[in-house]
Each structure stands twice: as C-alpha cells, then as structure tokens.
Amino acid sequence: SSGINAEYGEHSTARERLEGLSGACPSVDLHGCTIPEAKRLCDRALEMARSRGLPCLNLITGKGLHSAGRFPRLKRSIKPHLDRQQLRYNEQEDGFKIRFK
C-alpha cells in the first residue's frame, strides 16, 4: 500500500508524516500523536489531499490497544472533528477512509 503506513516514533514531524503522501488513496498514520497534534495533522493531510485532487485519504488512528484502558482516544476525537467538516467517510476498525469524490 502507498503513502504513510510506516511506524513512526512519537517525535516525527508532521512534514515527515506527510511528505510521502502519494498514490490514489494514501494513508496518514496518526499513532503517537496527542489529540491536538492529530487534529492538526488531519487538517493538513485533508488540505493536501484536496489540493492534489485525490479521491480519498486514509487516516490511521489505531484501535486504542496501547492507550490507558485500551480506549481508542484518537479515533473518538477525530470522528467529531471530521463530522464538523461535513466530510464523507467510512469508519474502519483502525481509522477512517475519507472520500472526496
């Protein structure tokens, strides 16, 4: 699969996570981000995907297996963030597939 699927450490920059954004439906991995960082990275990835005319974008939030209480904090925070932007998406086990077309 294309895009950013590699494991990233907590200290990778947004630029490092987005520079490999390529392919018809790339993925951006939000693992290791704080909730504010994940929302900012999500917004930047959405902007880049739209500007490139991509049909879709995968946001990988994870399942929450490494969170306290095994609660998917990122996923639960990104979902209303996407809803506020009135985006069309499919919720998946480990994130979201956003469709622009």
PDB file of N, CA and C in Angstrom:
ATOM      1  N   SER A   1       0.839  -1.173   0.000  1.00  0.00           N
ATOM      2  CA  SER A   1       0.000   0.000   0.000  1.00  0.00           C
ATOM      3  C   SER A   1       0.880   1.231   0.000  1.00  0.00           C
ATOM      4  N   SER A   2       0.340   2.325  -0.458  1.00  0.00           N
ATOM      5  CA  SER A   2       1.152   3.523  -0.651  1.00  0.00           C
ATOM      6  C   SER A   2       0.892   4.527   0.457  1.00  0.00           C
ATOM      7  N   GLY A   3       1.716   5.528   0.492  1.00  0.00           N
ATOM      8  CA  GLY A   3       1.511   6.605   1.444  1.00  0.00           C
ATOM      9  C   GLY A   3       2.291   6.364   2.711  1.00  0.00           C
ATOM     10  N   ILE A   4       1.752   6.825   3.790  1.00  0.00           N
ATOM     11  CA  ILE A   4       2.469   6.791   5.049  1.00  0.00           C
ATOM     12  C   ILE A   4       1.869   5.704   5.919  1.00  0.00           C
ATOM     13  N   ASN A   5       2.423   4.527   5.841  1.00  0.00           N
ATOM     14  CA  ASN A   5       1.964   3.415   6.650  1.00  0.00           C
ATOM     15  C   ASN A   5       3.028   2.937   7.614  1.00  0.00           C
ATOM     16  N   ALA A   6       4.230   3.481   7.493  1.00  0.00           N
ATOM     17  CA  ALA A   6       5.336   3.031   8.325  1.00  0.00           C
ATOM     18  C   ALA A   6       5.088   3.417   9.779  1.00  0.00           C
ATOM     19  N   GLU A   7       5.717   2.686  10.662  1.00  0.00           N
ATOM     20  CA  GLU A   7       5.636   3.024  12.082  1.00  0.00           C
ATOM     21  C   GLU A   7       6.469   4.276  12.322  1.00  0.00           C
ATOM     22  N   TYR A   8       5.899   5.255  12.993  1.00  0.00           N
ATOM     23  CA  TYR A   8       6.611   6.484  13.302  1.00  0.00           C
ATOM     24  C   TYR A   8       6.769   6.609  14.796  1.00  0.00           C
ATOM     25  N   GLY A   9       7.896   7.146  15.203  1.00  0.00           N
ATOM     26  CA  GLY A   9       8.103   7.428  16.611  1.00  0.00           C
ATOM     27  C   GLY A   9       7.283   8.640  17.009  1.00  0.00           C
ATOM     28  N   GLU A  10       7.183   8.844  18.283  1.00  0.00           N
ATOM     29  CA  GLU A  10       6.365   9.944  18.786  1.00  0.00           C
ATOM     30  C   GLU A  10       6.896  11.307  18.364  1.00  0.00           C
ATOM     31  N   HIS A  11       8.172  11.378  17.995  1.00  0.00           N
ATOM     32  CA  HIS A  11       8.776  12.681  17.722  1.00  0.00           C
ATOM     33  C   HIS A  11       8.893  13.006  16.240  1.00  0.00           C
ATOM     34  N   SER A  12       8.285  12.210  15.378  1.00  0.00           N
ATOM     35  CA  SER A  12       8.348  12.537  13.955  1.00  0.00           C
ATOM     36  C   SER A  12       7.526  13.793  13.701  1.00  0.00           C
ATOM     37  N   THR A  13       7.964  14.567  12.720  1.00  0.00           N
ATOM     38  CA  THR A  13       7.276  15.817  12.451  1.00  0.00           C
ATOM     39  C   THR A  13       6.101  15.587  11.507  1.00  0.00           C
ATOM     40  N   ALA A  14       5.205  16.544  11.476  1.00  0.00           N
ATOM     41  CA  ALA A  14       4.076  16.469  10.548  1.00  0.00           C
ATOM     42  C   ALA A  14       4.602  16.389   9.117  1.00  0.00           C
ATOM     43  N   ARG A  15       5.666  17.125   8.830  1.00  0.00           N
ATOM     44  CA  ARG A  15       6.221  17.110   7.475  1.00  0.00           C
ATOM     45  C   ARG A  15       6.686  15.705   7.109  1.00  0.00           C
ATOM     46  N   GLU A  16       7.354  15.035   8.054  1.00  0.00           N
ATOM     47  CA  GLU A  16       7.806  13.670   7.791  1.00  0.00           C
ATOM     48  C   GLU A  16       6.622  12.742   7.545  1.00  0.00           C
ATOM     49  N   ARG A  17       5.549  12.950   8.248  1.00  0.00           N
ATOM     50  CA  ARG A  17       4.377  12.090   8.084  1.00  0.00           C
ATOM     51  C   ARG A  17       3.644  12.372   6.780  1.00  0.00           C
ATOM     52  N   LEU A  18       3.748  13.589   6.276  1.00  0.00           N
ATOM     53  CA  LEU A  18       3.001  13.965   5.073  1.00  0.00           C
ATOM     54  C   LEU A  18       3.835  13.927   3.798  1.00  0.00           C
ATOM     55  N   GLU A  19       5.161  13.918   3.902  1.00  0.00           N
ATOM     56  CA  GLU A  19       5.974  14.027   2.695  1.00  0.00           C
ATOM     57  C   GLU A  19       5.805  12.828   1.773  1.00  0.00           C
ATOM     58  N   GLY A  20       5.435  11.690   2.300  1.00  0.00           N
ATOM     59  CA  GLY A  20       5.236  10.508   1.469  1.00  0.00           C
ATOM     60  C   GLY A  20       3.812  10.349   0.970  1.00  0.00           C
ATOM     61  N   LEU A  21       3.005  11.375   1.133  1.00  0.00           N
ATOM     62  CA  LEU A  21       1.604  11.298   0.724  1.00  0.00           C
ATOM     63  C   LEU A  21       1.526  11.132  -0.788  1.00  0.00           C
ATOM     64  N   SER A  22       1.251   9.924  -1.222  1.00  0.00           N
ATOM     65  CA  SER A  22       1.194   9.649  -2.655  1.00  0.00           C
ATOM     66  C   SER A  22       0.270   8.469  -2.898  1.00  0.00           C
ATOM     67  N   GLY A  23      -0.001   8.218  -4.156  1.00  0.00           N
ATOM     68  CA  GLY A  23      -0.905   7.138  -4.514  1.00  0.00           C
ATOM     69  C   GLY A  23      -2.324   7.639  -4.627  1.00  0.00           C
ATOM     70  N   ALA A  24      -3.195   6.776  -5.103  1.00  0.00           N
ATOM     71  CA  ALA A  24      -4.585   7.158  -5.337  1.00  0.00           C
ATOM     72  C   ALA A  24      -5.338   7.394  -4.032  1.00  0.00           C
ATOM     73  N   CYS A  25      -5.012   6.623  -3.014  1.00  0.00           N
ATOM     74  CA  CYS A  25      -5.690   6.772  -1.719  1.00  0.00           C
ATOM     75  C   CYS A  25      -4.659   6.560  -0.611  1.00  0.00           C
ATOM     76  N   PRO A  26      -3.830   7.579  -0.361  1.00  0.00           N
ATOM     77  CA  PRO A  26      -2.750   7.429   0.612  1.00  0.00           C
ATOM     78  C   PRO A  26      -3.256   7.341   2.049  1.00  0.00           C
ATOM     79  N   SER A  27      -2.358   6.912   2.915  1.00  0.00           N
ATOM     80  CA  SER A  27      -2.664   6.791   4.338  1.00  0.00           C
ATOM     81  C   SER A  27      -1.752   7.694   5.156  1.00  0.00           C
ATOM     82  N   VAL A  28      -2.308   8.271   6.200  1.00  0.00           N
ATOM     83  CA  VAL A  28      -1.542   9.048   7.157  1.00  0.00           C
ATOM     84  C   VAL A  28      -1.740   8.402   8.523  1.00  0.00           C
ATOM     85  N   ASP A  29      -0.621   8.025   9.139  1.00  0.00           N
ATOM     86  CA  ASP A  29      -0.651   7.339  10.422  1.00  0.00           C
ATOM     87  C   ASP A  29      -0.564   8.360  11.546  1.00  0.00           C
ATOM     88  N   LEU A  30      -1.577   8.403  12.396  1.00  0.00           N
ATOM     89  CA  LEU A  30      -1.636   9.363  13.492  1.00  0.00           C
ATOM     90  C   LEU A  30      -1.157   8.770  14.818  1.00  0.00           C
ATOM     91  N   HIS A  31      -0.673   7.520  14.800  1.00  0.00           N
ATOM     92  CA  HIS A  31      -0.170   6.884  16.020  1.00  0.00           C
ATOM     93  C   HIS A  31       0.878   7.759  16.692  1.00  0.00           C
ATOM     94  N   GLY A  32       0.813   7.842  18.007  1.00  0.00           N
ATOM     95  CA  GLY A  32       1.819   8.580  18.755  1.00  0.00           C
ATOM     96  C   GLY A  32       1.563  10.062  18.853  1.00  0.00           C
ATOM     97  N   CYS A  33       0.541  10.562  18.166  1.00  0.00           N
ATOM     98  CA  CYS A  33       0.204  11.988  18.247  1.00  0.00           C
ATOM     99  C   CYS A  33      -0.664  12.253  19.470  1.00  0.00           C
ATOM    100  N   THR A  34      -0.526  13.455  20.024  1.00  0.00           N
ATOM    101  CA  THR A  34      -1.511  13.891  21.003  1.00  0.00           C
ATOM    102  C   THR A  34      -2.779  14.218  20.226  1.00  0.00           C
ATOM    103  N   ILE A  35      -3.875  14.396  20.907  1.00  0.00           N
ATOM    104  CA  ILE A  35      -5.131  14.717  20.212  1.00  0.00           C
ATOM    105  C   ILE A  35      -5.017  16.033  19.437  1.00  0.00           C
ATOM    106  N   PRO A  36      -4.481  17.117  20.024  1.00  0.00           N
ATOM    107  CA  PRO A  36      -4.330  18.348  19.227  1.00  0.00           C
ATOM    108  C   PRO A  36      -3.414  18.158  18.015  1.00  0.00           C
ATOM    109  N   GLU A  37      -2.306  17.418  18.197  1.00  0.00           N
ATOM    110  CA  GLU A  37      -1.413  17.155  17.068  1.00  0.00           C
ATOM    111  C   GLU A  37      -2.130  16.361  15.980  1.00  0.00           C
ATOM    112  N   ALA A  38      -2.903  15.369  16.386  1.00  0.00           N
ATOM    113  CA  ALA A  38      -3.621  14.531  15.419  1.00  0.00           C
ATOM    114  C   ALA A  38      -4.625  15.367  14.622  1.00  0.00           C
ATOM    115  N   LYS A  39      -5.311  16.284  15.276  1.00  0.00           N
ATOM    116  CA  LYS A  39      -6.279  17.133  14.570  1.00  0.00           C
ATOM    117  C   LYS A  39      -5.582  18.059  13.581  1.00  0.00           C
ATOM    118  N   ARG A  40      -4.445  18.628  13.990  1.00  0.00           N
ATOM    119  CA  ARG A  40      -3.691  19.497  13.071  1.00  0.00           C
ATOM    120  C   ARG A  40      -3.162  18.697  11.880  1.00  0.00           C
ATOM    121  N   LEU A  41      -2.616  17.527  12.142  1.00  0.00           N
ATOM    122  CA  LEU A  41      -2.092  16.679  11.076  1.00  0.00           C
ATOM    123  C   LEU A  41      -3.210  16.226  10.148  1.00  0.00           C
ATOM    124  N   CYS A  42      -4.342  15.887  10.711  1.00  0.00           N
ATOM    125  CA  CYS A  42      -5.520  15.517   9.923  1.00  0.00           C
ATOM    126  C   CYS A  42      -5.901  16.666   8.984  1.00  0.00           C
ATOM    127  N   ASP A  43      -5.964  17.871   9.506  1.00  0.00           N
ATOM    128  CA  ASP A  43      -6.335  19.032   8.682  1.00  0.00           C
ATOM    129  C   ASP A  43      -5.329  19.269   7.558  1.00  0.00           C
ATOM    130  N   ARG A  44      -4.035  19.144   7.881  1.00  0.00           N
ATOM    131  CA  ARG A  44      -3.011  19.335   6.842  1.00  0.00           C
ATOM    132  C   ARG A  44      -3.103  18.251   5.774  1.00  0.00           C
ATOM    133  N   ALA A  45      -3.335  17.017   6.189  1.00  0.00           N
ATOM    134  CA  ALA A  45      -3.453  15.913   5.236  1.00  0.00           C
ATOM    135  C   ALA A  45      -4.685  16.102   4.348  1.00  0.00           C
ATOM    136  N   LEU A  46      -5.796  16.533   4.937  1.00  0.00           N
ATOM    137  CA  LEU A  46      -7.013  16.782   4.160  1.00  0.00           C
ATOM    138  C   LEU A  46      -6.782  17.884   3.134  1.00  0.00           C
ATOM    139  N   GLU A  47      -6.118  18.949   3.554  1.00  0.00           N
ATOM    140  CA  GLU A  47      -5.822  20.062   2.655  1.00  0.00           C
ATOM    141  C   GLU A  47      -4.942  19.590   1.491  1.00  0.00           C
ATOM    142  N   MET A  48      -3.919  18.814   1.796  1.00  0.00           N
ATOM    143  CA  MET A  48      -3.024  18.315   0.745  1.00  0.00           C
ATOM    144  C   MET A  48      -3.766  17.378  -0.204  1.00  0.00           C
ATOM    145  N   ALA A  49      -4.577  16.496   0.339  1.00  0.00           N
ATOM    146  CA  ALA A  49      -5.320  15.544  -0.491  1.00  0.00           C
ATOM    147  C   ALA A  49      -6.281  16.284  -1.424  1.00  0.00           C
ATOM    148  N   ARG A  50      -6.981  17.283  -0.888  1.00  0.00           N
ATOM    149  CA  ARG A  50      -7.905  18.069  -1.723  1.00  0.00           C
ATOM    150  C   ARG A  50      -7.148  18.831  -2.811  1.00  0.00           C
ATOM    151  N   SER A  51      -6.023  19.452  -2.434  1.00  0.00           N
ATOM    152  CA  SER A  51      -5.280  20.250  -3.407  1.00  0.00           C
ATOM    153  C   SER A  51      -4.706  19.390  -4.528  1.00  0.00           C
ATOM    154  N   ARG A  52      -4.455  18.129  -4.245  1.00  0.00           N
ATOM    155  CA  ARG A  52      -3.939  17.209  -5.267  1.00  0.00           C
ATOM    156  C   ARG A  52      -5.054  16.484  -6.018  1.00  0.00           C
ATOM    157  N   GLY A  53      -6.292  16.770  -5.660  1.00  0.00           N
ATOM    158  CA  GLY A  53      -7.424  16.156  -6.353  1.00  0.00           C
ATOM    159  C   GLY A  53      -7.564  14.664  -6.102  1.00  0.00           C
ATOM    160  N   LEU A  54      -7.090  14.211  -4.940  1.00  0.00           N
ATOM    161  CA  LEU A  54      -7.183  12.788  -4.634  1.00  0.00           C
ATOM    162  C   LEU A  54      -8.629  12.390  -4.354  1.00  0.00           C
ATOM    163  N   PRO A  55      -9.002  11.171  -4.719  1.00  0.00           N
ATOM    164  CA  PRO A  55     -10.380  10.732  -4.474  1.00  0.00           C
ATOM    165  C   PRO A  55     -10.643  10.365  -3.019  1.00  0.00           C
ATOM    166  N   CYS A  56      -9.581  10.000  -2.276  1.00  0.00           N
ATOM    167  CA  CYS A  56      -9.781   9.574  -0.898  1.00  0.00           C
ATOM    168  C   CYS A  56      -8.486   9.679  -0.105  1.00  0.00           C
ATOM    169  N   LEU A  57      -8.624   9.505   1.199  1.00  0.00           N
ATOM    170  CA  LEU A  57      -7.493   9.573   2.122  1.00  0.00           C
ATOM    171  C   LEU A  57      -7.815   8.661   3.299  1.00  0.00           C
ATOM    172  N   ASN A  58      -6.843   7.867   3.714  1.00  0.00           N
ATOM    173  CA  ASN A  58      -6.995   7.024   4.906  1.00  0.00           C
ATOM    174  C   ASN A  58      -6.308   7.687   6.088  1.00  0.00           C
ATOM    175  N   LEU A  59      -7.023   7.805   7.188  1.00  0.00           N
ATOM    176  CA  LEU A  59      -6.440   8.292   8.431  1.00  0.00           C
ATOM    177  C   LEU A  59      -6.364   7.100   9.381  1.00  0.00           C
ATOM    178  N   ILE A  60      -5.168   6.746   9.792  1.00  0.00           N
ATOM    179  CA  ILE A  60      -4.967   5.613  10.680  1.00  0.00           C
ATOM    180  C   ILE A  60      -4.848   6.128  12.109  1.00  0.00           C
ATOM    181  N   THR A  61      -5.832   5.805  12.923  1.00  0.00           N
ATOM    182  CA  THR A  61      -5.842   6.250  14.316  1.00  0.00           C
ATOM    183  C   THR A  61      -5.444   5.138  15.271  1.00  0.00           C
ATOM    184  N   GLY A  62      -5.537   3.909  14.837  1.00  0.00           N
ATOM    185  CA  GLY A  62      -5.294   2.770  15.703  1.00  0.00           C
ATOM    186  C   GLY A  62      -6.569   2.360  16.418  1.00  0.00           C
ATOM    187  N   LYS A  63      -6.462   1.260  17.122  1.00  0.00           N
ATOM    188  CA  LYS A  63      -7.620   0.683  17.808  1.00  0.00           C
ATOM    189  C   LYS A  63      -7.663   1.037  19.290  1.00  0.00           C
ATOM    190  N   GLY A  64      -6.643   1.725  19.762  1.00  0.00           N
ATOM    191  CA  GLY A  64      -6.593   2.070  21.179  1.00  0.00           C
ATOM    192  C   GLY A  64      -5.966   0.996  22.039  1.00  0.00           C
ATOM    193  N   LEU A  65      -5.344   0.004  21.435  1.00  0.00           N
ATOM    194  CA  LEU A  65      -4.790  -1.111  22.194  1.00  0.00           C
ATOM    195  C   LEU A  65      -3.656  -0.693  23.129  1.00  0.00           C
ATOM    196  N   HIS A  66      -2.993   0.429  22.813  1.00  0.00           N
ATOM    197  CA  HIS A  66      -1.868   0.882  23.630  1.00  0.00           C
ATOM    198  C   HIS A  66      -2.244   2.054  24.531  1.00  0.00           C
ATOM    199  N   SER A  67      -3.507   2.441  24.506  1.00  0.00           N
ATOM    200  CA  SER A  67      -3.983   3.542  25.345  1.00  0.00           C
ATOM    201  C   SER A  67      -4.402   3.009  26.709  1.00  0.00           C
ATOM    202  N   ALA A  68      -4.416   3.910  27.688  1.00  0.00           N
ATOM    203  CA  ALA A  68      -4.897   3.537  29.017  1.00  0.00           C
ATOM    204  C   ALA A  68      -6.328   3.021  28.899  1.00  0.00           C
ATOM    205  N   GLY A  69      -6.581   1.891  29.488  1.00  0.00           N
ATOM    206  CA  GLY A  69      -7.914   1.310  29.423  1.00  0.00           C
ATOM    207  C   GLY A  69      -8.264   0.750  28.059  1.00  0.00           C
ATOM    208  N   ARG A  70      -7.281   0.686  27.158  1.00  0.00           N
ATOM    209  CA  ARG A  70      -7.486   0.180  25.792  1.00  0.00           C
ATOM    210  C   ARG A  70      -8.634   0.933  25.096  1.00  0.00           C
ATOM    211  N   PHE A  71      -8.691   2.226  25.345  1.00  0.00           N
ATOM    212  CA  PHE A  71      -9.737   3.104  24.806  1.00  0.00           C
ATOM    213  C   PHE A  71      -9.179   3.852  23.590  1.00  0.00           C
ATOM    214  N   PRO A  72      -9.876   3.810  22.450  1.00  0.00           N
ATOM    215  CA  PRO A  72      -9.375   4.471  21.232  1.00  0.00           C
ATOM    216  C   PRO A  72      -9.546   5.989  21.272  1.00  0.00           C
ATOM    217  N   ARG A  73      -8.691   6.658  22.045  1.00  0.00           N
ATOM    218  CA  ARG A  73      -8.810   8.108  22.249  1.00  0.00           C
ATOM    219  C   ARG A  73      -8.713   8.892  20.951  1.00  0.00           C
ATOM    220  N   LEU A  74      -7.719   8.576  20.118  1.00  0.00           N
ATOM    221  CA  LEU A  74      -7.559   9.322  18.866  1.00  0.00           C
ATOM    222  C   LEU A  74      -8.782   9.170  17.974  1.00  0.00           C
ATOM    223  N   LYS A  75      -9.222   7.943  17.812  1.00  0.00           N
ATOM    224  CA  LYS A  75     -10.367   7.689  16.926  1.00  0.00           C
ATOM    225  C   LYS A  75     -11.606   8.432  17.418  1.00  0.00           C
ATOM    226  N   ARG A  76     -11.842   8.385  18.719  1.00  0.00           N
ATOM    227  CA  ARG A  76     -13.025   9.052  19.287  1.00  0.00           C
ATOM    228  C   ARG A  76     -12.931  10.569  19.183  1.00  0.00           C
ATOM    229  N   SER A  77     -11.727  11.108  19.087  1.00  0.00           N
ATOM    230  CA  SER A  77     -11.554  12.560  18.954  1.00  0.00           C
ATOM    231  C   SER A  77     -11.581  13.012  17.502  1.00  0.00           C
ATOM    232  N   ILE A  78     -11.090  12.182  16.595  1.00  0.00           N
ATOM    233  CA  ILE A  78     -11.043  12.547  15.178  1.00  0.00           C
ATOM    234  C   ILE A  78     -12.431  12.465  14.543  1.00  0.00           C
ATOM    235  N   LYS A  79     -13.251  11.522  14.974  1.00  0.00           N
ATOM    236  CA  LYS A  79     -14.587  11.352  14.376  1.00  0.00           C
ATOM    237  C   LYS A  79     -15.413  12.645  14.430  1.00  0.00           C
ATOM    238  N   PRO A  80     -15.610  13.286  15.598  1.00  0.00           N
ATOM    239  CA  PRO A  80     -16.371  14.545  15.601  1.00  0.00           C
ATOM    240  C   PRO A  80     -15.665  15.668  14.836  1.00  0.00           C
ATOM    241  N   HIS A  81     -14.340  15.607  14.788  1.00  0.00           N
ATOM    242  CA  HIS A  81     -13.563  16.584  14.020  1.00  0.00           C
ATOM    243  C   HIS A  81     -13.918  16.467  12.533  1.00  0.00           C
ATOM    244  N   LEU A  82     -14.035  15.246  12.043  1.00  0.00           N
ATOM    245  CA  LEU A  82     -14.432  15.017  10.646  1.00  0.00           C
ATOM    246  C   LEU A  82     -15.888  15.414  10.429  1.00  0.00           C
ATOM    247  N   ASP A  83     -16.745  15.084  11.394  1.00  0.00           N
ATOM    248  CA  ASP A  83     -18.174  15.414  11.282  1.00  0.00           C
ATOM    249  C   ASP A  83     -18.388  16.924  11.185  1.00  0.00           C
ATOM    250  N   ARG A  84     -17.628  17.701  11.959  1.00  0.00           N
ATOM    251  CA  ARG A  84     -17.774  19.161  11.919  1.00  0.00           C
ATOM    252  C   ARG A  84     -17.440  19.714  10.538  1.00  0.00           C
ATOM    253  N   GLN A  85     -16.576  19.015   9.816  1.00  0.00           N
ATOM    254  CA  GLN A  85     -16.195  19.453   8.471  1.00  0.00           C
ATOM    255  C   GLN A  85     -17.114  18.875   7.395  1.00  0.00           C
ATOM    256  N   GLN A  86     -18.122  18.150   7.837  1.00  0.00           N
ATOM    257  CA  GLN A  86     -19.116  17.552   6.936  1.00  0.00           C
ATOM    258  C   GLN A  86     -18.465  16.707   5.837  1.00  0.00           C
ATOM    259  N   LEU A  87     -17.495  15.898   6.251  1.00  0.00           N
ATOM    260  CA  LEU A  87     -16.799  15.015   5.313  1.00  0.00           C
ATOM    261  C   LEU A  87     -17.530  13.682   5.204  1.00  0.00           C
ATOM    262  N   ARG A  88     -17.433  13.095   4.021  1.00  0.00           N
ATOM    263  CA  ARG A  88     -17.969  11.748   3.825  1.00  0.00           C
ATOM    264  C   ARG A  88     -16.849  10.760   4.136  1.00  0.00           C
ATOM    265  N   TYR A  89     -17.131   9.820   5.017  1.00  0.00           N
ATOM    266  CA  TYR A  89     -16.101   8.844   5.376  1.00  0.00           C
ATOM    267  C   TYR A  89     -16.738   7.530   5.780  1.00  0.00           C
ATOM    268  N   ASN A  90     -15.927   6.501   5.706  1.00  0.00           N
ATOM    269  CA  ASN A  90     -16.293   5.193   6.225  1.00  0.00           C
ATOM    270  C   ASN A  90     -15.426   4.962   7.450  1.00  0.00           C
ATOM    271  N   GLU A  91     -16.058   4.622   8.548  1.00  0.00           N
ATOM    272  CA  GLU A  91     -15.298   4.308   9.749  1.00  0.00           C
ATOM    273  C   GLU A  91     -14.796   2.876   9.633  1.00  0.00           C
ATOM    274  N   GLN A  92     -13.524   2.689   9.900  1.00  0.00           N
ATOM    275  CA  GLN A  92     -12.910   1.370   9.841  1.00  0.00           C
ATOM    276  C   GLN A  92     -12.398   1.006  11.224  1.00  0.00           C
ATOM    277  N   GLU A  93     -11.990  -0.229  11.391  1.00  0.00           N
ATOM    278  CA  GLU A  93     -11.568  -0.692  12.707  1.00  0.00           C
ATOM    279  C   GLU A  93     -10.431   0.150  13.291  1.00  0.00           C
ATOM    280  N   ASP A  94      -9.508   0.581  12.430  1.00  0.00           N
ATOM    281  CA  ASP A  94      -8.332   1.305  12.919  1.00  0.00           C
ATOM    282  C   ASP A  94      -8.244   2.739  12.404  1.00  0.00           C
ATOM    283  N   GLY A  95      -9.370   3.300  11.944  1.00  0.00           N
ATOM    284  CA  GLY A  95      -9.332   4.676  11.464  1.00  0.00           C
ATOM    285  C   GLY A  95     -10.501   5.010  10.556  1.00  0.00           C
ATOM    286  N   PHE A  96     -10.226   5.853   9.564  1.00  0.00           N
ATOM    287  CA  PHE A  96     -11.266   6.368   8.681  1.00  0.00           C
ATOM    288  C   PHE A  96     -10.783   6.421   7.239  1.00  0.00           C
ATOM    289  N   LYS A  97     -11.679   6.130   6.313  1.00  0.00           N
ATOM    290  CA  LYS A  97     -11.410   6.321   4.888  1.00  0.00           C
ATOM    291  C   LYS A  97     -12.302   7.473   4.451  1.00  0.00           C
ATOM    292  N   ILE A  98     -11.684   8.592   4.090  1.00  0.00           N
ATOM    293  CA  ILE A  98     -12.418   9.799   3.710  1.00  0.00           C
ATOM    294  C   ILE A  98     -12.520   9.830   2.199  1.00  0.00           C
ATOM    295  N   ARG A  99     -13.694  10.131   1.701  1.00  0.00           N
ATOM    296  CA  ARG A  99     -13.934  10.182   0.246  1.00  0.00           C
ATOM    297  C   ARG A  99     -14.252  11.612  -0.169  1.00  0.00           C
ATOM    298  N   PHE A 100     -13.525  12.073  -1.184  1.00  0.00           N
ATOM    299  CA  PHE A 100     -13.732  13.426  -1.684  1.00  0.00           C
ATOM    300  C   PHE A 100     -14.567  13.430  -2.948  1.00  0.00           C
ATOM    301  N   LYS A 101     -14.636  12.314  -3.652  1.00  0.00           N
ATOM    302  CA  LYS A 101     -15.355  12.263  -4.939  1.00  0.00           C
ATOM    303  C   LYS A 101     -16.422  11.207  -4.883  1.00  0.00           C
TER     304      LYS A 101
END
